[in-house]
Amino acid sequence: MYYCINVNYITTNVRLPKEEYEDLKKIAFSQNKSLASLIREATREYKNKSLNNRKARKVVNFEFIKRTR
């Protein structure tokens, strides 16, 4: 289980379709996590994946520029 110590949290509201909410609650329960913890984990993974993809694109773009000179 993932625990955050000394983290400043911000409360936000997200509207989900009822079926999606219920599915996420089931997943959280099956993993012995809270829904909030599951959502924090998913958003953290999405953010890291997005940042890594952005870094990869920058490297590709840089390599392209380097080869054309």
C-alpha atoms as a PDB file:
ATOM      1  CA  MET A   1       0.000   0.000   0.000  1.00  0.00           C
ATOM      2  CA  TYR A   2       1.223   3.517  -0.819  1.00  0.00           C
ATOM      3  CA  TYR A   3       1.409   6.026   2.031  1.00  0.00           C
ATOM      4  CA  CYS A   4       2.305   9.688   1.725  1.00  0.00           C
ATOM      5  CA  ILE A   5       3.912  11.418   4.686  1.00  0.00           C
ATOM      6  CA  ASN A   6       3.938  15.211   4.936  1.00  0.00           C
ATOM      7  CA  VAL A   7       2.129  15.710   1.630  1.00  0.00           C
ATOM      8  CA  ASN A   8      -0.100  18.716   1.102  1.00  0.00           C
ATOM      9  CA  TYR A   9      -3.322  17.474  -0.465  1.00  0.00           C
ATOM     10  CA  ILE A  10      -5.851  19.518  -2.377  1.00  0.00           C
ATOM     11  CA  THR A  11      -9.456  18.397  -2.387  1.00  0.00           C
ATOM     12  CA  THR A  12     -11.173  18.284  -5.764  1.00  0.00           C
ATOM     13  CA  ASN A  13     -14.407  16.952  -7.199  1.00  0.00           C
ATOM     14  CA  VAL A  14     -14.635  14.710 -10.222  1.00  0.00           C
ATOM     15  CA  ARG A  15     -17.852  13.605 -11.886  1.00  0.00           C
ATOM     16  CA  LEU A  16     -17.836  10.002 -13.046  1.00  0.00           C
ATOM     17  CA  PRO A  17     -20.502   7.923 -14.733  1.00  0.00           C
ATOM     18  CA  LYS A  18     -22.186   5.738 -12.120  1.00  0.00           C
ATOM     19  CA  GLU A  19     -21.003   2.490 -13.732  1.00  0.00           C
ATOM     20  CA  GLU A  20     -17.388   3.687 -13.837  1.00  0.00           C
ATOM     21  CA  TYR A  21     -17.568   4.786 -10.200  1.00  0.00           C
ATOM     22  CA  GLU A  22     -18.927   1.409  -9.155  1.00  0.00           C
ATOM     23  CA  ASP A  23     -16.231  -0.416 -11.148  1.00  0.00           C
ATOM     24  CA  LEU A  24     -13.510   1.690  -9.521  1.00  0.00           C
ATOM     25  CA  LYS A  25     -14.939   1.010  -6.060  1.00  0.00           C
ATOM     26  CA  LYS A  26     -14.823  -2.735  -6.780  1.00  0.00           C
ATOM     27  CA  ILE A  27     -11.225  -2.505  -7.989  1.00  0.00           C
ATOM     28  CA  ALA A  28     -10.213  -0.495  -4.914  1.00  0.00           C
ATOM     29  CA  PHE A  29     -11.936  -3.001  -2.625  1.00  0.00           C
ATOM     30  CA  SER A  30     -10.274  -5.961  -4.351  1.00  0.00           C
ATOM     31  CA  GLN A  31      -6.861  -4.296  -3.878  1.00  0.00           C
ATOM     32  CA  ASN A  32      -7.638  -3.325  -0.276  1.00  0.00           C
ATOM     33  CA  LYS A  33      -7.295   0.380  -1.127  1.00  0.00           C
ATOM     34  CA  SER A  34      -9.511   3.396  -0.769  1.00  0.00           C
ATOM     35  CA  LEU A  35     -11.035   4.878  -3.895  1.00  0.00           C
ATOM     36  CA  ALA A  36      -9.014   8.052  -3.289  1.00  0.00           C
ATOM     37  CA  SER A  37      -5.800   6.036  -3.090  1.00  0.00           C
ATOM     38  CA  LEU A  38      -6.642   4.196  -6.305  1.00  0.00           C
ATOM     39  CA  ILE A  39      -7.350   7.460  -8.136  1.00  0.00           C
ATOM     40  CA  ARG A  40      -4.138   9.085  -6.806  1.00  0.00           C
ATOM     41  CA  GLU A  41      -2.141   6.067  -7.988  1.00  0.00           C
ATOM     42  CA  ALA A  42      -3.779   6.123 -11.435  1.00  0.00           C
ATOM     43  CA  THR A  43      -3.242   9.857 -11.903  1.00  0.00           C
ATOM     44  CA  ARG A  44       0.391   9.560 -10.752  1.00  0.00           C
ATOM     45  CA  GLU A  45       1.014   6.753 -13.275  1.00  0.00           C
ATOM     46  CA  TYR A  46      -0.703   8.746 -16.049  1.00  0.00           C
ATOM     47  CA  LYS A  47       1.333  11.847 -15.212  1.00  0.00           C
ATOM     48  CA  ASN A  48       4.630   9.915 -15.196  1.00  0.00           C
ATOM     49  CA  LYS A  49       3.768   8.207 -18.487  1.00  0.00           C
ATOM     50  CA  SER A  50       2.838  11.543 -20.070  1.00  0.00           C
ATOM     51  CA  LEU A  51       6.039  13.199 -18.859  1.00  0.00           C
ATOM     52  CA  ASN A  52       8.144  10.295 -20.140  1.00  0.00           C
ATOM     53  CA  ASN A  53       6.428  10.454 -23.535  1.00  0.00           C
ATOM     54  CA  ARG A  54       7.044  14.193 -23.703  1.00  0.00           C
ATOM     55  CA  LYS A  55      10.731  13.675 -22.871  1.00  0.00           C
ATOM     56  CA  ALA A  56      10.990  10.951 -25.516  1.00  0.00           C
ATOM     57  CA  ARG A  57       9.463  13.257 -28.142  1.00  0.00           C
ATOM     58  CA  LYS A  58      11.962  15.981 -27.235  1.00  0.00           C
ATOM     59  CA  VAL A  59      14.850  13.565 -27.719  1.00  0.00           C
ATOM     60  CA  VAL A  60      13.450  12.436 -31.065  1.00  0.00           C
ATOM     61  CA  ASN A  61      12.963  16.028 -32.163  1.00  0.00           C
ATOM     62  CA  PHE A  62      16.464  16.953 -31.025  1.00  0.00           C
ATOM     63  CA  GLU A  63      17.985  14.017 -32.878  1.00  0.00           C
ATOM     64  CA  PHE A  64      16.086  15.024 -36.008  1.00  0.00           C
ATOM     65  CA  ILE A  65      17.418  18.599 -35.785  1.00  0.00           C
ATOM     66  CA  LYS A  66      20.932  17.345 -35.114  1.00  0.00           C
ATOM     67  CA  ARG A  67      20.904  15.120 -38.217  1.00  0.00           C
ATOM     68  CA  THR A  68      19.652  17.863 -40.550  1.00  0.00           C
ATOM     69  CA  ARG A  69      22.514  20.232 -39.793  1.00  0.00           C
END
